[in-house]
N, C-alpha and C. Protein backbone atom coordinates (compact mmCIF):
# COMPACT_ATOMS: atom_id res chain seq x y z
N UNK A 1 110.06 125.15 149.02
CA UNK A 1 109.50 123.82 148.90
C UNK A 1 108.32 123.81 147.92
N UNK A 2 107.48 124.85 148.00
CA UNK A 2 106.31 124.93 147.12
C UNK A 2 106.76 125.00 145.66
N UNK A 3 107.82 125.76 145.39
CA UNK A 3 108.33 125.88 144.03
C UNK A 3 108.87 124.55 143.53
N UNK A 4 109.48 123.79 144.39
CA UNK A 4 110.03 122.49 144.01
C UNK A 4 108.91 121.52 143.64
N UNK A 5 107.82 121.56 144.39
CA UNK A 5 106.67 120.69 144.09
C UNK A 5 106.04 121.10 142.76
N UNK A 6 105.88 122.40 142.54
CA UNK A 6 105.31 122.88 141.27
C UNK A 6 106.20 122.49 140.10
N UNK A 7 107.51 122.62 140.27
CA UNK A 7 108.45 122.24 139.21
C UNK A 7 108.36 120.74 138.92
N UNK A 8 108.28 119.94 139.98
CA UNK A 8 108.20 118.49 139.81
C UNK A 8 106.91 118.10 139.09
N UNK A 9 105.80 118.73 139.45
CA UNK A 9 104.52 118.42 138.79
C UNK A 9 104.53 118.87 137.33
N UNK A 10 105.13 120.02 137.06
CA UNK A 10 105.16 120.54 135.69
C UNK A 10 106.06 119.73 134.79
N UNK A 11 107.10 119.09 135.35
CA UNK A 11 108.08 118.37 134.54
C UNK A 11 108.04 116.86 134.74
N UNK A 12 107.02 116.36 135.38
CA UNK A 12 106.89 114.92 135.60
C UNK A 12 106.58 114.23 134.27
N UNK A 13 107.40 113.24 133.91
CA UNK A 13 107.22 112.57 132.61
C UNK A 13 105.90 111.80 132.54
N UNK A 14 105.44 111.26 133.64
CA UNK A 14 104.16 110.54 133.64
C UNK A 14 103.01 111.49 133.33
N UNK A 15 103.05 112.67 133.91
CA UNK A 15 102.00 113.65 133.67
C UNK A 15 102.06 114.14 132.23
N UNK A 16 103.26 114.39 131.73
CA UNK A 16 103.40 114.83 130.33
C UNK A 16 102.90 113.76 129.37
N UNK A 17 103.23 112.50 129.65
CA UNK A 17 102.75 111.41 128.80
C UNK A 17 101.23 111.29 128.85
N UNK A 18 100.65 111.47 130.02
CA UNK A 18 99.20 111.42 130.15
C UNK A 18 98.55 112.56 129.36
N UNK A 19 99.14 113.75 129.41
CA UNK A 19 98.60 114.87 128.64
C UNK A 19 98.69 114.60 127.13
N UNK A 20 99.80 114.00 126.70
CA UNK A 20 99.94 113.65 125.28
C UNK A 20 98.92 112.59 124.87
N UNK A 21 98.65 111.64 125.77
CA UNK A 21 97.64 110.62 125.48
C UNK A 21 96.25 111.25 125.34
N UNK A 22 95.96 112.22 126.19
CA UNK A 22 94.67 112.92 126.10
C UNK A 22 94.56 113.65 124.77
N UNK A 23 95.62 114.34 124.37
CA UNK A 23 95.61 115.04 123.08
C UNK A 23 95.43 114.06 121.93
N UNK A 24 96.14 112.93 121.98
CA UNK A 24 96.02 111.92 120.92
C UNK A 24 94.60 111.39 120.85
N UNK A 25 93.97 111.20 122.00
CA UNK A 25 92.59 110.71 122.02
C UNK A 25 91.64 111.73 121.40
N UNK A 26 91.86 113.00 121.66
CA UNK A 26 91.01 114.04 121.06
C UNK A 26 91.14 114.03 119.54
N UNK A 27 92.38 113.91 119.03
CA UNK A 27 92.58 113.88 117.58
C UNK A 27 91.99 112.61 116.96
N UNK A 28 92.10 111.49 117.67
CA UNK A 28 91.53 110.24 117.17
C UNK A 28 90.01 110.36 117.09
N UNK A 29 89.40 111.01 118.07
CA UNK A 29 87.95 111.21 118.07
C UNK A 29 87.54 112.05 116.86
N UNK A 30 88.30 113.11 116.58
CA UNK A 30 88.00 113.95 115.41
C UNK A 30 88.17 113.16 114.12
N UNK A 31 89.19 112.31 114.07
CA UNK A 31 89.42 111.49 112.88
C UNK A 31 88.25 110.54 112.64
N UNK A 32 87.79 109.88 113.69
CA UNK A 32 86.68 108.94 113.56
C UNK A 32 85.40 109.67 113.20
N UNK A 33 85.18 110.84 113.78
CA UNK A 33 84.01 111.64 113.43
C UNK A 33 84.05 112.02 111.96
N UNK A 34 85.22 112.41 111.47
CA UNK A 34 85.37 112.77 110.06
C UNK A 34 85.12 111.60 109.13
N UNK A 35 85.46 110.39 109.56
CA UNK A 35 85.22 109.22 108.72
C UNK A 35 83.73 108.97 108.53
N UNK A 36 82.91 109.39 109.48
CA UNK A 36 81.47 109.19 109.38
C UNK A 36 80.77 110.24 108.54
N UNK A 37 81.46 111.32 108.24
CA UNK A 37 80.85 112.38 107.42
C UNK A 37 80.94 112.02 105.95
N UNK A 38 80.03 112.54 105.14
CA UNK A 38 80.10 112.25 103.71
C UNK A 38 81.36 112.87 103.09
N UNK A 39 81.92 112.15 102.14
CA UNK A 39 83.07 112.65 101.39
C UNK A 39 82.53 113.27 100.11
N UNK A 40 82.83 114.52 99.87
CA UNK A 40 82.28 115.25 98.73
C UNK A 40 83.40 115.64 97.79
N UNK A 41 83.16 115.40 96.50
CA UNK A 41 84.12 115.83 95.48
C UNK A 41 83.36 116.42 94.31
N UNK A 42 84.02 117.31 93.59
CA UNK A 42 83.37 117.93 92.44
C UNK A 42 84.40 118.15 91.34
N UNK A 43 83.88 118.29 90.13
CA UNK A 43 84.75 118.60 89.01
C UNK A 43 83.96 119.42 88.00
N UNK A 44 84.69 120.19 87.22
CA UNK A 44 84.08 121.04 86.19
C UNK A 44 85.06 121.11 85.04
N UNK A 45 84.54 120.98 83.82
CA UNK A 45 85.40 120.95 82.65
C UNK A 45 84.75 121.78 81.55
N UNK A 46 85.53 122.63 80.92
CA UNK A 46 85.05 123.45 79.80
C UNK A 46 85.96 123.21 78.61
N UNK A 47 85.36 122.95 77.47
CA UNK A 47 86.14 122.76 76.25
C UNK A 47 85.69 123.80 75.22
N UNK A 48 86.66 124.37 74.55
CA UNK A 48 86.41 125.33 73.47
C UNK A 48 86.99 124.71 72.20
N UNK A 49 86.10 124.26 71.33
CA UNK A 49 86.54 123.68 70.06
C UNK A 49 86.66 124.81 69.04
N UNK A 50 87.87 125.29 68.85
CA UNK A 50 88.07 126.34 67.85
C UNK A 50 87.68 125.83 66.48
N UNK A 51 88.01 124.59 66.24
CA UNK A 51 87.63 123.95 64.98
C UNK A 51 86.93 122.65 65.34
N UNK A 52 85.66 122.54 65.00
CA UNK A 52 84.90 121.34 65.33
C UNK A 52 85.47 120.14 64.59
N UNK A 53 85.46 118.97 65.22
CA UNK A 53 85.92 117.77 64.54
C UNK A 53 85.07 117.49 63.30
N UNK A 54 85.70 117.00 62.26
CA UNK A 54 85.01 116.72 61.00
C UNK A 54 84.97 115.21 60.77
N UNK A 55 83.78 114.71 60.43
CA UNK A 55 83.62 113.32 60.06
C UNK A 55 83.26 113.24 58.59
N UNK A 56 83.63 112.14 57.97
CA UNK A 56 83.29 111.92 56.57
C UNK A 56 82.15 110.92 56.50
N UNK A 57 81.06 111.34 55.84
CA UNK A 57 79.91 110.46 55.66
C UNK A 57 79.83 110.06 54.19
N UNK A 58 79.36 108.84 53.94
CA UNK A 58 79.21 108.41 52.54
C UNK A 58 78.30 109.38 51.77
N UNK A 59 78.73 109.73 50.58
CA UNK A 59 77.98 110.68 49.75
C UNK A 59 76.61 110.18 49.35
N UNK A 60 76.40 108.83 49.36
CA UNK A 60 75.09 108.28 48.99
C UNK A 60 73.98 108.79 49.90
N UNK A 61 74.32 109.15 51.14
CA UNK A 61 73.31 109.67 52.06
C UNK A 61 72.72 110.98 51.56
N UNK A 62 73.49 111.71 50.78
CA UNK A 62 73.08 113.04 50.33
C UNK A 62 72.86 113.09 48.82
N UNK A 63 72.77 111.94 48.17
CA UNK A 63 72.52 111.89 46.74
C UNK A 63 73.77 112.05 45.89
N UNK A 64 74.94 111.96 46.47
CA UNK A 64 76.19 112.07 45.70
C UNK A 64 76.52 110.70 45.11
N UNK A 65 77.40 110.65 44.14
CA UNK A 65 77.76 109.37 43.54
C UNK A 65 78.41 108.43 44.56
N UNK A 66 78.25 107.11 44.37
CA UNK A 66 78.88 106.14 45.28
C UNK A 66 80.40 106.31 45.29
N UNK A 67 80.98 106.06 46.47
CA UNK A 67 82.43 106.16 46.62
C UNK A 67 82.91 107.55 47.01
N UNK A 68 82.01 108.51 47.11
CA UNK A 68 82.41 109.86 47.53
C UNK A 68 82.04 110.05 49.01
N UNK A 69 82.74 110.95 49.62
CA UNK A 69 82.48 111.24 51.03
C UNK A 69 82.29 112.74 51.20
N UNK A 70 81.38 113.08 52.09
CA UNK A 70 81.08 114.49 52.34
C UNK A 70 81.50 114.81 53.78
N UNK A 71 82.32 115.84 53.96
CA UNK A 71 82.72 116.21 55.33
C UNK A 71 81.58 116.94 56.05
N UNK A 72 81.30 116.50 57.27
CA UNK A 72 80.28 117.16 58.10
C UNK A 72 80.86 117.36 59.49
N UNK A 73 80.33 118.37 60.17
CA UNK A 73 80.77 118.67 61.53
C UNK A 73 79.57 118.55 62.46
N UNK A 74 79.75 117.81 63.54
CA UNK A 74 78.72 117.66 64.57
C UNK A 74 79.24 118.28 65.85
N UNK A 75 78.36 118.82 66.63
CA UNK A 75 78.76 119.34 67.94
C UNK A 75 78.53 120.83 68.06
N UNK A 76 79.03 121.35 69.15
CA UNK A 76 78.91 122.78 69.45
C UNK A 76 80.30 123.33 69.74
N UNK A 77 80.45 124.62 69.59
CA UNK A 77 81.76 125.24 69.79
C UNK A 77 82.22 125.13 71.24
N UNK A 78 81.31 125.33 72.17
CA UNK A 78 81.66 125.27 73.60
C UNK A 78 80.94 124.09 74.24
N UNK A 79 81.64 123.42 75.12
CA UNK A 79 81.06 122.29 75.83
C UNK A 79 81.51 122.38 77.29
N UNK A 80 80.55 122.30 78.20
CA UNK A 80 80.87 122.36 79.62
C UNK A 80 80.20 121.18 80.33
N UNK A 81 80.94 120.55 81.20
CA UNK A 81 80.39 119.46 82.00
C UNK A 81 80.81 119.67 83.45
N UNK A 82 79.97 119.25 84.34
CA UNK A 82 80.28 119.35 85.76
C UNK A 82 79.66 118.19 86.51
N UNK A 83 80.25 117.88 87.64
CA UNK A 83 79.69 116.80 88.46
C UNK A 83 80.02 117.06 89.93
N UNK A 84 79.13 116.57 90.76
CA UNK A 84 79.32 116.61 92.21
C UNK A 84 79.00 115.21 92.72
N UNK A 85 79.87 114.68 93.54
CA UNK A 85 79.66 113.35 94.10
C UNK A 85 79.76 113.42 95.62
N UNK A 86 78.88 112.69 96.26
CA UNK A 86 78.93 112.57 97.71
C UNK A 86 78.85 111.09 98.04
N UNK A 87 79.71 110.63 98.91
CA UNK A 87 79.73 109.23 99.31
C UNK A 87 79.89 109.14 100.82
N UNK A 88 79.26 108.14 101.38
CA UNK A 88 79.38 107.93 102.81
C UNK A 88 79.62 106.46 103.07
N UNK A 89 80.61 106.16 103.86
CA UNK A 89 80.91 104.77 104.20
C UNK A 89 80.09 104.35 105.40
N UNK A 90 79.62 103.14 105.34
CA UNK A 90 78.86 102.60 106.48
C UNK A 90 79.60 101.45 107.08
């Protein structure tokens, strides 16, 4: 008789459903707690310009005859950028 009662309690659908509801509530609590935490994201980018971009400037800037253009390069060979963002919803 004792084994039958233990079997009935272990396999009772109402008890199993209640246990599943408890588990679902625990996960929902964790989800809501996570929503209150800051959301953090980051990025990092490195560029290697083997050949720097060339712009053409009017030659008059450098004393050359009008209508001529002089190629110049601006910038650096390596460029690195990074960012970190944190946001929190209220």
